Amino acid sequence: MLTFELPTLAALPAVAAQVLEALQSHSIVCFEGEMGAGKTTFIKALCQSMGVQDEVSSPTFALVNEYRDAQNQPIYHFDFYRLNEPVEAVGIGALEYFDSGYLCLIEWPSRIEALLPPERLLITLHVTGEESRTLQLEIKK
């Protein structure tokens, strides 16, 4: 498990660049943390470090947003907060996205735990102050 300290929002780009190195061999990246912990904010910084030019925003109502990285490869950003049952994720084709081999960034993965592949990265954000956060990165197998 790797731990990164984010003393302020200004540290986001540097930490995102470090986390990007860990993503190289993983396509499923799950983000946990309480409401307001900064999951979407960190995903924005991560996408910027991958050359995404699109506006990155939470897909709370759409459930999934698609962006393109600097190599024009798709990145799928999910927010499953509003789901009541994992079958709702199946209905939008989540399993096909997960099997695509393209990067899938998943907020609130615990809502669809049964659908997730065993091997994935888990990034947990902990609020430590008004702007400060601790980010833990763990490889799940």
C-alpha atoms as a PDB file:
ATOM      1  CA  MET A   1       0.000   0.000   0.000  1.00  0.00           C
ATOM      2  CA  LEU A   2       1.264   3.444  -0.935  1.00  0.00           C
ATOM      3  CA  THR A   3       0.253   6.570   0.972  1.00  0.00           C
ATOM      4  CA  PHE A   4       0.386  10.108  -0.396  1.00  0.00           C
ATOM      5  CA  GLU A   5      -0.164  13.301   1.566  1.00  0.00           C
ATOM      6  CA  LEU A   6      -2.051  16.173  -0.058  1.00  0.00           C
ATOM      7  CA  PRO A   7      -1.530  19.174   2.234  1.00  0.00           C
ATOM      8  CA  THR A   8      -3.468  21.475  -0.152  1.00  0.00           C
ATOM      9  CA  LEU A   9      -5.200  21.363  -3.516  1.00  0.00           C
ATOM     10  CA  ALA A  10      -1.990  22.683  -5.041  1.00  0.00           C
ATOM     11  CA  ALA A  11      -0.438  19.242  -4.441  1.00  0.00           C
ATOM     12  CA  LEU A  12      -2.979  17.493  -6.686  1.00  0.00           C
ATOM     13  CA  PRO A  13      -0.990  17.596  -9.963  1.00  0.00           C
ATOM     14  CA  ALA A  14       2.176  16.188  -8.370  1.00  0.00           C
ATOM     15  CA  VAL A  15       0.340  13.371  -6.584  1.00  0.00           C
ATOM     16  CA  ALA A  16      -1.730  12.616  -9.703  1.00  0.00           C
ATOM     17  CA  ALA A  17       1.507  12.224 -11.687  1.00  0.00           C
ATOM     18  CA  GLN A  18       2.841   9.778  -9.077  1.00  0.00           C
ATOM     19  CA  VAL A  19      -0.406   7.785  -9.054  1.00  0.00           C
ATOM     20  CA  LEU A  20      -0.372   7.703 -12.858  1.00  0.00           C
ATOM     21  CA  GLU A  21       2.748   5.536 -12.708  1.00  0.00           C
ATOM     22  CA  ALA A  22       0.840   2.932 -10.671  1.00  0.00           C
ATOM     23  CA  LEU A  23      -1.985   2.907 -13.221  1.00  0.00           C
ATOM     24  CA  GLN A  24       0.179   1.678 -16.069  1.00  0.00           C
ATOM     25  CA  SER A  25      -0.759  -1.976 -15.619  1.00  0.00           C
ATOM     26  CA  HIS A  26      -4.318  -1.549 -14.310  1.00  0.00           C
ATOM     27  CA  SER A  27      -7.491  -0.654 -16.147  1.00  0.00           C
ATOM     28  CA  ILE A  28      -9.912  -0.718 -13.190  1.00  0.00           C
ATOM     29  CA  VAL A  29      -9.328   1.991 -10.585  1.00  0.00           C
ATOM     30  CA  CYS A  30     -11.792   2.373  -7.726  1.00  0.00           C
ATOM     31  CA  PHE A  31     -12.146   5.505  -5.613  1.00  0.00           C
ATOM     32  CA  GLU A  32     -13.539   5.383  -2.073  1.00  0.00           C
ATOM     33  CA  GLY A  33     -13.977   8.183   0.409  1.00  0.00           C
ATOM     34  CA  GLU A  34     -16.720  10.017   2.184  1.00  0.00           C
ATOM     35  CA  MET A  35     -18.898  12.521   0.362  1.00  0.00           C
ATOM     36  CA  GLY A  36     -16.780  15.608  -0.283  1.00  0.00           C
ATOM     37  CA  ALA A  37     -13.454  13.811   0.199  1.00  0.00           C
ATOM     38  CA  GLY A  38     -12.302  14.866  -3.267  1.00  0.00           C
ATOM     39  CA  LYS A  39     -12.767  11.774  -5.430  1.00  0.00           C
ATOM     40  CA  THR A  40     -13.935  13.730  -8.471  1.00  0.00           C
ATOM     41  CA  THR A  41     -11.402  16.488  -7.858  1.00  0.00           C
ATOM     42  CA  PHE A  42      -8.596  13.936  -7.807  1.00  0.00           C
ATOM     43  CA  ILE A  43      -9.957  12.239 -10.937  1.00  0.00           C
ATOM     44  CA  LYS A  44      -9.891  15.649 -12.679  1.00  0.00           C
ATOM     45  CA  ALA A  45      -6.206  16.056 -11.795  1.00  0.00           C
ATOM     46  CA  LEU A  46      -5.459  12.486 -12.883  1.00  0.00           C
ATOM     47  CA  CYS A  47      -7.191  13.002 -16.230  1.00  0.00           C
ATOM     48  CA  GLN A  48      -5.324  16.274 -16.786  1.00  0.00           C
ATOM     49  CA  SER A  49      -2.044  14.417 -16.204  1.00  0.00           C
ATOM     50  CA  MET A  50      -3.108  11.996 -18.973  1.00  0.00           C
ATOM     51  CA  GLY A  51      -3.754  14.829 -21.407  1.00  0.00           C
ATOM     52  CA  VAL A  52      -7.554  14.875 -21.252  1.00  0.00           C
ATOM     53  CA  GLN A  53      -8.794  18.114 -22.814  1.00  0.00           C
ATOM     54  CA  ASP A  54     -12.497  17.532 -22.075  1.00  0.00           C
ATOM     55  CA  GLU A  55     -14.158  18.946 -18.996  1.00  0.00           C
ATOM     56  CA  VAL A  56     -14.023  16.271 -16.309  1.00  0.00           C
ATOM     57  CA  SER A  57     -17.095  16.235 -14.102  1.00  0.00           C
ATOM     58  CA  SER A  58     -18.916  13.780 -11.907  1.00  0.00           C
ATOM     59  CA  PRO A  59     -21.260  11.507 -13.864  1.00  0.00           C
ATOM     60  CA  THR A  60     -23.648  11.388 -10.894  1.00  0.00           C
ATOM     61  CA  PHE A  61     -26.803  11.340 -13.018  1.00  0.00           C
ATOM     62  CA  ALA A  62     -25.426   9.949 -16.302  1.00  0.00           C
ATOM     63  CA  LEU A  63     -23.523   7.204 -14.365  1.00  0.00           C
ATOM     64  CA  VAL A  64     -20.664   7.255 -16.893  1.00  0.00           C
ATOM     65  CA  ASN A  65     -18.692   9.938 -18.746  1.00  0.00           C
ATOM     66  CA  GLU A  66     -16.199   9.242 -21.496  1.00  0.00           C
ATOM     67  CA  TYR A  67     -13.053  11.287 -22.007  1.00  0.00           C
ATOM     68  CA  ARG A  68     -10.107  10.923 -24.396  1.00  0.00           C
ATOM     69  CA  ASP A  69      -6.478  10.964 -23.277  1.00  0.00           C
ATOM     70  CA  ALA A  70      -3.530  12.449 -25.196  1.00  0.00           C
ATOM     71  CA  GLN A  71      -3.345   9.271 -27.348  1.00  0.00           C
ATOM     72  CA  ASN A  72      -7.094   9.523 -28.104  1.00  0.00           C
ATOM     73  CA  GLN A  73      -7.790   6.430 -25.994  1.00  0.00           C
ATOM     74  CA  PRO A  74     -11.064   6.362 -24.050  1.00  0.00           C
ATOM     75  CA  ILE A  75     -11.211   6.809 -20.301  1.00  0.00           C
ATOM     76  CA  TYR A  76     -14.484   5.874 -18.617  1.00  0.00           C
ATOM     77  CA  HIS A  77     -15.490   7.689 -15.429  1.00  0.00           C
ATOM     78  CA  PHE A  78     -18.285   6.126 -13.368  1.00  0.00           C
ATOM     79  CA  ASP A  79     -20.199   7.370 -10.345  1.00  0.00           C
ATOM     80  CA  PHE A  80     -22.377   4.673  -8.793  1.00  0.00           C
ATOM     81  CA  TYR A  81     -23.504   6.675  -5.762  1.00  0.00           C
ATOM     82  CA  ARG A  82     -27.142   6.783  -6.856  1.00  0.00           C
ATOM     83  CA  LEU A  83     -27.462   3.067  -7.624  1.00  0.00           C
ATOM     84  CA  ASN A  84     -29.682   0.949  -5.438  1.00  0.00           C
ATOM     85  CA  GLU A  85     -28.728  -2.414  -6.944  1.00  0.00           C
ATOM     86  CA  PRO A  86     -25.698  -3.635  -8.952  1.00  0.00           C
ATOM     87  CA  VAL A  87     -28.082  -4.797 -11.701  1.00  0.00           C
ATOM     88  CA  GLU A  88     -28.557  -1.113 -12.585  1.00  0.00           C
ATOM     89  CA  ALA A  89     -24.862  -0.954 -13.533  1.00  0.00           C
ATOM     90  CA  VAL A  90     -25.296  -4.073 -15.669  1.00  0.00           C
ATOM     91  CA  GLY A  91     -28.126  -2.249 -17.445  1.00  0.00           C
ATOM     92  CA  ILE A  92     -25.780   0.521 -18.643  1.00  0.00           C
ATOM     93  CA  GLY A  93     -23.213  -2.005 -19.879  1.00  0.00           C
ATOM     94  CA  ALA A  94     -20.733  -1.629 -17.011  1.00  0.00           C
ATOM     95  CA  LEU A  95     -19.355  -5.142 -17.495  1.00  0.00           C
ATOM     96  CA  GLU A  96     -18.528  -4.388 -21.134  1.00  0.00           C
ATOM     97  CA  TYR A  97     -16.737  -1.216 -20.086  1.00  0.00           C
ATOM     98  CA  PHE A  98     -14.788  -3.135 -17.422  1.00  0.00           C
ATOM     99  CA  ASP A  99     -13.810  -5.832 -19.960  1.00  0.00           C
ATOM    100  CA  SER A 100     -12.776  -3.289 -22.614  1.00  0.00           C
ATOM    101  CA  GLY A 101      -9.208  -2.977 -21.355  1.00  0.00           C
ATOM    102  CA  TYR A 102      -9.567   0.799 -21.300  1.00  0.00           C
ATOM    103  CA  LEU A 103      -9.139   2.792 -18.115  1.00  0.00           C
ATOM    104  CA  CYS A 104     -12.236   2.770 -15.892  1.00  0.00           C
ATOM    105  CA  LEU A 105     -12.276   5.241 -12.988  1.00  0.00           C
ATOM    106  CA  ILE A 106     -15.020   4.218 -10.567  1.00  0.00           C
ATOM    107  CA  GLU A 107     -16.457   6.339  -7.771  1.00  0.00           C
ATOM    108  CA  TRP A 108     -18.500   4.510  -5.092  1.00  0.00           C
ATOM    109  CA  PRO A 109     -17.383   1.017  -6.205  1.00  0.00           C
ATOM    110  CA  SER A 110     -18.817  -0.561  -3.052  1.00  0.00           C
ATOM    111  CA  ARG A 111     -22.271  -0.141  -4.635  1.00  0.00           C
ATOM    112  CA  ILE A 112     -21.319  -2.654  -7.347  1.00  0.00           C
ATOM    113  CA  GLU A 113     -18.700  -4.732  -5.521  1.00  0.00           C
ATOM    114  CA  ALA A 114     -20.044  -8.032  -6.886  1.00  0.00           C
ATOM    115  CA  LEU A 115     -19.478  -6.849 -10.482  1.00  0.00           C
ATOM    116  CA  LEU A 116     -15.876  -5.729 -10.091  1.00  0.00           C
ATOM    117  CA  PRO A 117     -12.986  -7.879 -11.271  1.00  0.00           C
ATOM    118  CA  PRO A 118     -10.800  -9.122  -8.408  1.00  0.00           C
ATOM    119  CA  GLU A 119      -7.682  -7.382  -9.720  1.00  0.00           C
ATOM    120  CA  ARG A 120      -7.978  -3.615  -9.468  1.00  0.00           C
ATOM    121  CA  LEU A 121      -6.497  -0.561  -7.822  1.00  0.00           C
ATOM    122  CA  LEU A 122      -8.263   0.942  -4.841  1.00  0.00           C
ATOM    123  CA  ILE A 123      -7.633   4.585  -4.038  1.00  0.00           C
ATOM    124  CA  THR A 124      -9.070   5.754  -0.749  1.00  0.00           C
ATOM    125  CA  LEU A 125      -9.194   9.437   0.130  1.00  0.00           C
ATOM    126  CA  HIS A 126      -9.284  10.451   3.794  1.00  0.00           C
ATOM    127  CA  VAL A 127     -10.159  13.997   4.856  1.00  0.00           C
ATOM    128  CA  THR A 128      -7.498  15.311   7.228  1.00  0.00           C
ATOM    129  CA  GLY A 129      -8.319  19.031   7.116  1.00  0.00           C
ATOM    130  CA  GLU A 130     -10.236  21.648   5.159  1.00  0.00           C
ATOM    131  CA  GLU A 131      -8.018  21.202   2.070  1.00  0.00           C
ATOM    132  CA  SER A 132      -5.738  18.385   3.183  1.00  0.00           C
ATOM    133  CA  ARG A 133      -6.208  14.738   2.338  1.00  0.00           C
ATOM    134  CA  THR A 134      -4.391  11.442   2.672  1.00  0.00           C
ATOM    135  CA  LEU A 135      -4.589   9.208  -0.364  1.00  0.00           C
ATOM    136  CA  GLN A 136      -3.969   5.468  -0.015  1.00  0.00           C
ATOM    137  CA  LEU A 137      -3.349   3.321  -3.059  1.00  0.00           C
ATOM    138  CA  GLU A 138      -3.768  -0.432  -2.737  1.00  0.00           C
ATOM    139  CA  ILE A 139      -3.571  -3.198  -5.338  1.00  0.00           C
ATOM    140  CA  LYS A 140      -6.438  -5.670  -4.969  1.00  0.00           C
ATOM    141  CA  LYS A 141      -5.978  -9.196  -6.281  1.00  0.00           C
END
